[in-house]
PDB file of N, CA and C in Angstrom:
ATOM      1  N   MET A   1     106.068 -30.032 202.254  1.00  0.00           N
ATOM      2  CA  MET A   1     107.486 -30.281 202.225  1.00  0.00           C
ATOM      3  C   MET A   1     107.819 -31.311 203.313  1.00  0.00           C
ATOM      4  N   TYR A   2     108.265 -32.469 202.921  1.00  0.00           N
ATOM      5  CA  TYR A   2     108.601 -33.529 203.854  1.00  0.00           C
ATOM      6  C   TYR A   2     110.071 -33.890 203.716  1.00  0.00           C
ATOM      7  N   PRO A   3     110.812 -33.917 204.836  1.00  0.00           N
ATOM      8  CA  PRO A   3     112.227 -34.268 204.756  1.00  0.00           C
ATOM      9  C   PRO A   3     112.398 -35.753 204.462  1.00  0.00           C
ATOM     10  N   ARG A   4     113.484 -36.071 203.780  1.00  0.00           N
ATOM     11  CA  ARG A   4     113.773 -37.467 203.471  1.00  0.00           C
ATOM     12  C   ARG A   4     114.407 -38.125 204.693  1.00  0.00           C
ATOM     13  N   HIS A   5     114.025 -39.349 204.925  1.00  0.00           N
ATOM     14  CA  HIS A   5     114.529 -40.079 206.081  1.00  0.00           C
ATOM     15  C   HIS A   5     115.291 -41.338 205.673  1.00  0.00           C
ATOM     16  N   THR A   6     115.640 -41.455 204.402  1.00  0.00           N
ATOM     17  CA  THR A   6     116.255 -42.690 203.924  1.00  0.00           C
ATOM     18  C   THR A   6     117.565 -43.001 204.634  1.00  0.00           C
ATOM     19  N   ASN A   7     118.266 -41.981 205.122  1.00  0.00           N
ATOM     20  CA  ASN A   7     119.521 -42.242 205.827  1.00  0.00           C
ATOM     21  C   ASN A   7     119.302 -42.922 207.178  1.00  0.00           C
ATOM     22  N   LEU A   8     118.072 -42.952 207.651  1.00  0.00           N
ATOM     23  CA  LEU A   8     117.759 -43.599 208.924  1.00  0.00           C
ATOM     24  C   LEU A   8     117.461 -45.090 208.757  1.00  0.00           C
ATOM     25  N   LEU A   9     117.236 -45.529 207.538  1.00  0.00           N
ATOM     26  CA  LEU A   9     116.870 -46.933 207.309  1.00  0.00           C
ATOM     27  C   LEU A   9     117.934 -47.914 207.797  1.00  0.00           C
ATOM     28  N   PRO A  10     119.224 -47.690 207.556  1.00  0.00           N
ATOM     29  CA  PRO A  10     120.216 -48.636 208.096  1.00  0.00           C
ATOM     30  C   PRO A  10     120.178 -48.727 209.620  1.00  0.00           C
ATOM     31  N   ARG A  11     119.955 -47.600 210.274  1.00  0.00           N
ATOM     32  CA  ARG A  11     119.860 -47.620 211.735  1.00  0.00           C
ATOM     33  C   ARG A  11     118.648 -48.423 212.182  1.00  0.00           C
ATOM     34  N   LEU A  12     117.525 -48.233 211.500  1.00  0.00           N
ATOM     35  CA  LEU A  12     116.321 -48.985 211.855  1.00  0.00           C
ATOM     36  C   LEU A  12     116.504 -50.474 211.605  1.00  0.00           C
ATOM     37  N   ARG A  13     117.221 -50.825 210.560  1.00  0.00           N
ATOM     38  CA  ARG A  13     117.478 -52.250 210.286  1.00  0.00           C
ATOM     39  C   ARG A  13     118.359 -52.868 211.374  1.00  0.00           C
ATOM     40  N   ARG A  14     119.338 -52.097 211.871  1.00  0.00           N
ATOM     41  CA  ARG A  14     120.165 -52.600 212.979  1.00  0.00           C
ATOM     42  C   ARG A  14     119.311 -52.804 214.231  1.00  0.00           C
ATOM     43  N   ILE A  15     118.425 -51.861 214.488  1.00  0.00           N
ATOM     44  CA  ILE A  15     117.539 -51.989 215.647  1.00  0.00           C
ATOM     45  C   ILE A  15     116.634 -53.204 215.479  1.00  0.00           C
ATOM     46  N   GLU A  16     116.131 -53.389 214.272  1.00  0.00           N
ATOM     47  CA  GLU A  16     115.283 -54.556 213.996  1.00  0.00           C
ATOM     48  C   GLU A  16     116.042 -55.849 214.307  1.00  0.00           C
ATOM     49  N   GLY A  17     117.296 -55.932 213.881  1.00  0.00           N
ATOM     50  CA  GLY A  17     118.115 -57.106 214.176  1.00  0.00           C
ATOM     51  C   GLY A  17     118.349 -57.266 215.670  1.00  0.00           C
ATOM     52  N   GLN A  18     118.536 -56.146 216.335  1.00  0.00           N
ATOM     53  CA  GLN A  18     118.730 -56.161 217.780  1.00  0.00           C
ATOM     54  C   GLN A  18     117.480 -56.708 218.478  1.00  0.00           C
ATOM     55  N   VAL A  19     116.309 -56.288 218.032  1.00  0.00           N
ATOM     56  CA  VAL A  19     115.056 -56.761 218.644  1.00  0.00           C
ATOM     57  C   VAL A  19     114.870 -58.254 218.379  1.00  0.00           C
ATOM     58  N   ARG A  20     115.211 -58.705 217.178  1.00  0.00           N
ATOM     59  CA  ARG A  20     115.137 -60.149 216.906  1.00  0.00           C
ATOM     60  C   ARG A  20     116.081 -60.912 217.834  1.00  0.00           C
ATOM     61  N   GLY A  21     117.262 -60.345 218.070  1.00  0.00           N
ATOM     62  CA  GLY A  21     118.210 -60.967 219.000  1.00  0.00           C
ATOM     63  C   GLY A  21     117.647 -61.045 220.411  1.00  0.00           C
ATOM     64  N   ILE A  22     116.943 -60.030 220.821  1.00  0.00           N
ATOM     65  CA  ILE A  22     116.309 -60.035 222.142  1.00  0.00           C
ATOM     66  C   ILE A  22     115.263 -61.143 222.207  1.00  0.00           C
ATOM     67  N   GLY A  23     114.519 -61.305 221.125  1.00  0.00           N
ATOM     68  CA  GLY A  23     113.537 -62.396 221.069  1.00  0.00           C
ATOM     69  C   GLY A  23     114.207 -63.755 221.237  1.00  0.00           C
ATOM     70  N   ARG A  24     115.356 -63.922 220.599  1.00  0.00           N
ATOM     71  CA  ARG A  24     116.095 -65.191 220.740  1.00  0.00           C
ATOM     72  C   ARG A  24     116.601 -65.365 222.174  1.00  0.00           C
ATOM     73  N   MET A  25     117.003 -64.258 222.791  1.00  0.00           N
ATOM     74  CA  MET A  25     117.441 -64.326 224.188  1.00  0.00           C
ATOM     75  C   MET A  25     116.300 -64.798 225.089  1.00  0.00           C
ATOM     76  N   ILE A  26     115.104 -64.288 224.830  1.00  0.00           N
ATOM     77  CA  ILE A  26     113.942 -64.682 225.637  1.00  0.00           C
ATOM     78  C   ILE A  26     113.602 -66.148 225.390  1.00  0.00           C
ATOM     79  N   GLU A  27     113.627 -66.549 224.107  1.00  0.00           N
ATOM     80  CA  GLU A  27     113.346 -67.950 223.779  1.00  0.00           C
ATOM     81  C   GLU A  27     114.322 -68.896 224.463  1.00  0.00           C
ATOM     82  N   SER A  28     115.581 -68.506 224.551  1.00  0.00           N
ATOM     83  CA  SER A  28     116.578 -69.384 225.163  1.00  0.00           C
ATOM     84  C   SER A  28     116.714 -69.157 226.661  1.00  0.00           C
ATOM     85  N   GLN A  29     115.800 -68.376 227.212  1.00  0.00           N
ATOM     86  CA  GLN A  29     115.709 -68.119 228.650  1.00  0.00           C
ATOM     87  C   GLN A  29     117.020 -67.589 229.230  1.00  0.00           C
ATOM     88  N   ARG A  30     117.572 -66.580 228.557  1.00  0.00           N
ATOM     89  CA  ARG A  30     118.796 -65.953 229.037  1.00  0.00           C
ATOM     90  C   ARG A  30     118.521 -65.193 230.330  1.00  0.00           C
ATOM     91  N   TYR A  31     119.559 -64.828 230.998  1.00  0.00           N
ATOM     92  CA  TYR A  31     119.491 -64.123 232.269  1.00  0.00           C
ATOM     93  C   TYR A  31     118.731 -62.796 232.092  1.00  0.00           C
ATOM     94  N   CYS A  32     117.794 -62.543 232.986  1.00  0.00           N
ATOM     95  CA  CYS A  32     116.902 -61.384 232.873  1.00  0.00           C
ATOM     96  C   CYS A  32     117.663 -60.063 232.742  1.00  0.00           C
ATOM     97  N   ILE A  33     118.713 -59.891 233.505  1.00  0.00           N
ATOM     98  CA  ILE A  33     119.460 -58.637 233.463  1.00  0.00           C
ATOM     99  C   ILE A  33     120.079 -58.433 232.084  1.00  0.00           C
ATOM    100  N   ASP A  34     120.557 -59.503 231.458  1.00  0.00           N
ATOM    101  CA  ASP A  34     121.105 -59.395 230.101  1.00  0.00           C
ATOM    102  C   ASP A  34     120.026 -58.944 229.116  1.00  0.00           C
ATOM    103  N   ILE A  35     118.830 -59.495 229.271  1.00  0.00           N
ATOM    104  CA  ILE A  35     117.709 -59.119 228.399  1.00  0.00           C
ATOM    105  C   ILE A  35     117.346 -57.644 228.623  1.00  0.00           C
ATOM    106  N   ILE A  36     117.273 -57.245 229.878  1.00  0.00           N
ATOM    107  CA  ILE A  36     116.938 -55.854 230.192  1.00  0.00           C
ATOM    108  C   ILE A  36     117.973 -54.909 229.606  1.00  0.00           C
ATOM    109  N   GLN A  37     119.242 -55.255 229.684  1.00  0.00           N
ATOM    110  CA  GLN A  37     120.292 -54.411 229.116  1.00  0.00           C
ATOM    111  C   GLN A  37     120.115 -54.257 227.609  1.00  0.00           C
ATOM    112  N   GLN A  38     119.764 -55.329 226.931  1.00  0.00           N
ATOM    113  CA  GLN A  38     119.547 -55.255 225.487  1.00  0.00           C
ATOM    114  C   GLN A  38     118.291 -54.461 225.150  1.00  0.00           C
ATOM    115  N   LEU A  39     117.241 -54.622 225.948  1.00  0.00           N
ATOM    116  CA  LEU A  39     116.024 -53.835 225.743  1.00  0.00           C
ATOM    117  C   LEU A  39     116.305 -52.343 225.919  1.00  0.00           C
ATOM    118  N   THR A  40     117.098 -52.013 226.925  1.00  0.00           N
ATOM    119  CA  THR A  40     117.461 -50.621 227.171  1.00  0.00           C
ATOM    120  C   THR A  40     118.253 -50.058 225.997  1.00  0.00           C
ATOM    121  N   ALA A  41     119.184 -50.842 225.480  1.00  0.00           N
ATOM    122  CA  ALA A  41     119.990 -50.390 224.343  1.00  0.00           C
ATOM    123  C   ALA A  41     119.112 -50.181 223.110  1.00  0.00           C
ATOM    124  N   ALA A  42     118.163 -51.074 222.878  1.00  0.00           N
ATOM    125  CA  ALA A  42     117.263 -50.938 221.726  1.00  0.00           C
ATOM    126  C   ALA A  42     116.386 -49.704 221.877  1.00  0.00           C
ATOM    127  N   ARG A  43     115.889 -49.477 223.079  1.00  0.00           N
ATOM    128  CA  ARG A  43     115.059 -48.287 223.315  1.00  0.00           C
ATOM    129  C   ARG A  43     115.857 -47.005 223.091  1.00  0.00           C
ATOM    130  N   ARG A  44     117.076 -46.986 223.552  1.00  0.00           N
ATOM    131  CA  ARG A  44     117.914 -45.801 223.353  1.00  0.00           C
ATOM    132  C   ARG A  44     118.196 -45.569 221.872  1.00  0.00           C
ATOM    133  N   ALA A  45     118.429 -46.645 221.150  1.00  0.00           N
ATOM    134  CA  ALA A  45     118.674 -46.520 219.708  1.00  0.00           C
ATOM    135  C   ALA A  45     117.434 -45.955 219.016  1.00  0.00           C
ATOM    136  N   LEU A  46     116.250 -46.433 219.395  1.00  0.00           N
ATOM    137  CA  LEU A  46     115.008 -45.895 218.833  1.00  0.00           C
ATOM    138  C   LEU A  46     114.822 -44.430 219.220  1.00  0.00           C
ATOM    139  N   ASP A  47     115.181 -44.085 220.437  1.00  0.00           N
ATOM    140  CA  ASP A  47     115.097 -42.685 220.864  1.00  0.00           C
ATOM    141  C   ASP A  47     115.979 -41.796 219.990  1.00  0.00           C
ATOM    142  N   GLN A  48     117.167 -42.285 219.631  1.00  0.00           N
ATOM    143  CA  GLN A  48     118.061 -41.503 218.780  1.00  0.00           C
ATOM    144  C   GLN A  48     117.473 -41.312 217.383  1.00  0.00           C
ATOM    145  N   VAL A  49     116.817 -42.333 216.863  1.00  0.00           N
ATOM    146  CA  VAL A  49     116.151 -42.198 215.564  1.00  0.00           C
ATOM    147  C   VAL A  49     115.009 -41.197 215.683  1.00  0.00           C
ATOM    148  N   THR A  50     114.251 -41.287 216.760  1.00  0.00           N
ATOM    149  CA  THR A  50     113.152 -40.343 216.985  1.00  0.00           C
ATOM    150  C   THR A  50     113.672 -38.913 217.020  1.00  0.00           C
ATOM    151  N   LEU A  51     114.759 -38.680 217.726  1.00  0.00           N
ATOM    152  CA  LEU A  51     115.332 -37.341 217.799  1.00  0.00           C
ATOM    153  C   LEU A  51     115.823 -36.856 216.439  1.00  0.00           C
ATOM    154  N   ALA A  52     116.368 -37.750 215.637  1.00  0.00           N
ATOM    155  CA  ALA A  52     116.818 -37.375 214.292  1.00  0.00           C
ATOM    156  C   ALA A  52     115.630 -36.954 213.430  1.00  0.00           C
ATOM    157  N   VAL A  53     114.528 -37.682 213.533  1.00  0.00           N
ATOM    158  CA  VAL A  53     113.324 -37.328 212.765  1.00  0.00           C
ATOM    159  C   VAL A  53     112.767 -36.001 213.260  1.00  0.00           C
ATOM    160  N   MET A  54     112.751 -35.804 214.579  1.00  0.00           N
ATOM    161  CA  MET A  54     112.275 -34.531 215.125  1.00  0.00           C
ATOM    162  C   MET A  54     113.152 -33.366 214.646  1.00  0.00           C
ATOM    163  N   ARG A  55     114.460 -33.575 214.649  1.00  0.00           N
ATOM    164  CA  ARG A  55     115.380 -32.529 214.191  1.00  0.00           C
ATOM    165  C   ARG A  55     115.076 -32.148 212.749  1.00  0.00           C
ATOM    166  N   LYS A  56     114.869 -33.153 211.900  1.00  0.00           N
ATOM    167  CA  LYS A  56     114.539 -32.878 210.500  1.00  0.00           C
ATOM    168  C   LYS A  56     113.209 -32.142 210.392  1.00  0.00           C
ATOM    169  N   HIS A  57     112.252 -32.545 211.220  1.00  0.00           N
ATOM    170  CA  HIS A  57     110.936 -31.900 211.200  1.00  0.00           C
ATOM    171  C   HIS A  57     111.059 -30.430 211.606  1.00  0.00           C
ATOM    172  N   ILE A  58     111.824 -30.175 212.659  1.00  0.00           N
ATOM    173  CA  ILE A  58     111.996 -28.795 213.124  1.00  0.00           C
ATOM    174  C   ILE A  58     112.702 -27.956 212.063  1.00  0.00           C
ATOM    175  N   ASN A  59     113.794 -28.502 211.524  1.00  0.00           N
ATOM    176  CA  ASN A  59     114.568 -27.759 210.531  1.00  0.00           C
ATOM    177  C   ASN A  59     113.848 -27.612 209.193  1.00  0.00           C
ATOM    178  N   GLY A  60     112.912 -28.504 208.916  1.00  0.00           N
ATOM    179  CA  GLY A  60     112.189 -28.444 207.651  1.00  0.00           C
ATOM    180  C   GLY A  60     110.797 -27.866 207.811  1.00  0.00           C
ATOM    181  N   CYS A  61     109.884 -28.712 208.237  1.00  0.00           N
ATOM    182  CA  CYS A  61     108.464 -28.341 208.293  1.00  0.00           C
ATOM    183  C   CYS A  61     108.173 -27.166 209.229  1.00  0.00           C
ATOM    184  N   VAL A  62     108.718 -27.223 210.435  1.00  0.00           N
ATOM    185  CA  VAL A  62     108.426 -26.167 211.405  1.00  0.00           C
ATOM    186  C   VAL A  62     109.054 -24.849 210.959  1.00  0.00           C
ATOM    187  N   SER A  63     110.310 -24.888 210.536  1.00  0.00           N
ATOM    188  CA  SER A  63     110.974 -23.665 210.062  1.00  0.00           C
ATOM    189  C   SER A  63     110.245 -23.065 208.868  1.00  0.00           C
ATOM    190  N   HIS A  64     109.809 -23.928 207.977  1.00  0.00           N
ATOM    191  CA  HIS A  64     109.075 -23.466 206.791  1.00  0.00           C
ATOM    192  C   HIS A  64     107.764 -22.785 207.207  1.00  0.00           C
ATOM    193  N   ALA A  65     107.043 -23.392 208.146  1.00  0.00           N
ATOM    194  CA  ALA A  65     105.782 -22.810 208.615  1.00  0.00           C
ATOM    195  C   ALA A  65     106.020 -21.469 209.307  1.00  0.00           C
ATOM    196  N   ILE A  66     107.081 -21.376 210.090  1.00  0.00           N
ATOM    197  CA  ILE A  66     107.390 -20.115 210.766  1.00  0.00           C
ATOM    198  C   ILE A  66     107.713 -19.033 209.740  1.00  0.00           C
ATOM    199  N   ALA A  67     108.484 -19.392 208.733  1.00  0.00           N
ATOM    200  CA  ALA A  67     108.847 -18.424 207.693  1.00  0.00           C
ATOM    201  C   ALA A  67     107.606 -17.907 206.969  1.00  0.00           C
ATOM    202  N   LYS A  68     106.569 -18.737 206.874  1.00  0.00           N
ATOM    203  CA  LYS A  68     105.324 -18.325 206.224  1.00  0.00           C
ATOM    204  C   LYS A  68     104.325 -17.749 207.231  1.00  0.00           C
ATOM    205  N   ARG A  69     104.802 -17.492 208.446  1.00  0.00           N
ATOM    206  CA  ARG A  69     103.968 -16.962 209.523  1.00  0.00           C
ATOM    207  C   ARG A  69     102.785 -17.874 209.858  1.00  0.00           C
ATOM    208  N   GLN A  70     103.030 -19.174 209.780  1.00  0.00           N
ATOM    209  CA  GLN A  70     102.012 -20.179 210.120  1.00  0.00           C
ATOM    210  C   GLN A  70     102.575 -21.161 211.146  1.00  0.00           C
ATOM    211  N   GLY A  71     103.469 -20.667 211.973  1.00  0.00           N
ATOM    212  CA  GLY A  71     104.200 -21.538 212.878  1.00  0.00           C
ATOM    213  C   GLY A  71     103.459 -22.003 214.104  1.00  0.00           C
ATOM    214  N   ARG A  72     102.470 -21.255 214.544  1.00  0.00           N
ATOM    215  CA  ARG A  72     101.782 -21.615 215.796  1.00  0.00           C
ATOM    216  C   ARG A  72     101.236 -23.037 215.776  1.00  0.00           C
ATOM    217  N   LYS A  73     100.586 -23.411 214.704  1.00  0.00           N
ATOM    218  CA  LYS A  73      99.986 -24.744 214.617  1.00  0.00           C
ATOM    219  C   LYS A  73     101.071 -25.825 214.614  1.00  0.00           C
ATOM    220  N   LYS A  74     102.141 -25.608 213.859  1.00  0.00           N
ATOM    221  CA  LYS A  74     103.232 -26.588 213.802  1.00  0.00           C
ATOM    222  C   LYS A  74     103.943 -26.700 215.145  1.00  0.00           C
ATOM    223  N   ILE A  75     104.123 -25.574 215.816  1.00  0.00           N
ATOM    224  CA  ILE A  75     104.771 -25.602 217.120  1.00  0.00           C
ATOM    225  C   ILE A  75     103.891 -26.327 218.128  1.00  0.00           C
ATOM    226  N   ALA A  76     102.592 -26.093 218.112  1.00  0.00           N
ATOM    227  CA  ALA A  76     101.671 -26.795 219.011  1.00  0.00           C
ATOM    228  C   ALA A  76     101.705 -28.298 218.749  1.00  0.00           C
ATOM    229  N   GLU A  77     101.713 -28.656 217.482  1.00  0.00           N
ATOM    230  CA  GLU A  77     101.790 -30.074 217.101  1.00  0.00           C
ATOM    231  C   GLU A  77     103.107 -30.689 217.601  1.00  0.00           C
ATOM    232  N   LEU A  78     104.196 -29.962 217.437  1.00  0.00           N
ATOM    233  CA  LEU A  78     105.496 -30.435 217.891  1.00  0.00           C
ATOM    234  C   LEU A  78     105.520 -30.600 219.406  1.00  0.00           C
ATOM    235  N   MET A  79     104.950 -29.664 220.118  1.00  0.00           N
ATOM    236  CA  MET A  79     104.924 -29.747 221.577  1.00  0.00           C
ATOM    237  C   MET A  79     104.122 -30.962 222.046  1.00  0.00           C
ATOM    238  N   GLN A  80     103.003 -31.257 221.396  1.00  0.00           N
ATOM    239  CA  GLN A  80     102.232 -32.463 221.734  1.00  0.00           C
ATOM    240  C   GLN A  80     103.073 -33.708 221.504  1.00  0.00           C
ATOM    241  N   THR A  81     103.801 -33.731 220.405  1.00  0.00           N
ATOM    242  CA  THR A  81     104.647 -34.865 220.081  1.00  0.00           C
ATOM    243  C   THR A  81     105.767 -35.023 221.100  1.00  0.00           C
ATOM    244  N   LEU A  82     106.402 -33.914 221.458  1.00  0.00           N
ATOM    245  CA  LEU A  82     107.459 -33.960 222.466  1.00  0.00           C
ATOM    246  C   LEU A  82     106.913 -34.448 223.804  1.00  0.00           C
ATOM    247  N   HIS A  83     105.720 -34.021 224.148  1.00  0.00           N
ATOM    248  CA  HIS A  83     105.104 -34.472 225.402  1.00  0.00           C
ATOM    249  C   HIS A  83     104.929 -35.986 225.401  1.00  0.00           C
ATOM    250  N   ARG A  84     104.457 -36.535 224.291  1.00  0.00           N
ATOM    251  CA  ARG A  84     104.297 -37.995 224.193  1.00  0.00           C
ATOM    252  C   ARG A  84     105.646 -38.698 224.240  1.00  0.00           C
ATOM    253  N   PHE A  85     106.662 -38.090 223.658  1.00  0.00           N
ATOM    254  CA  PHE A  85     107.994 -38.687 223.612  1.00  0.00           C
ATOM    255  C   PHE A  85     108.601 -38.806 224.997  1.00  0.00           C
ATOM    256  N   VAL A  86     108.440 -37.788 225.830  1.00  0.00           N
ATOM    257  CA  VAL A  86     109.068 -37.795 227.134  1.00  0.00           C
ATOM    258  C   VAL A  86     108.221 -38.471 228.213  1.00  0.00           C
ATOM    259  N   LYS A  87     106.995 -38.803 227.902  1.00  0.00           N
ATOM    260  CA  LYS A  87     106.108 -39.471 228.867  1.00  0.00           C
ATOM    261  C   LYS A  87     106.668 -40.796 229.297  1.00  0.00           C
TER     262      LYS A  87
END
């Protein structure tokens, strides 16, 4: 059972455009602080998408595994993923 993520595609496309804009800023040698601010905004936007996917995973796959008494493996997998996310 895999949750659908199609509602995240518009957000990812906006982030993609934002990253292209950052590339143009670098090409035109814009002020470093302006570039850093845009990089920070893009990273935060990606973090929000990551959290949305994690939420769907928890509410779908992990909940389903727990209901079938097979949650330990999914929870361990989720914890590894969360560890990588916050690193």
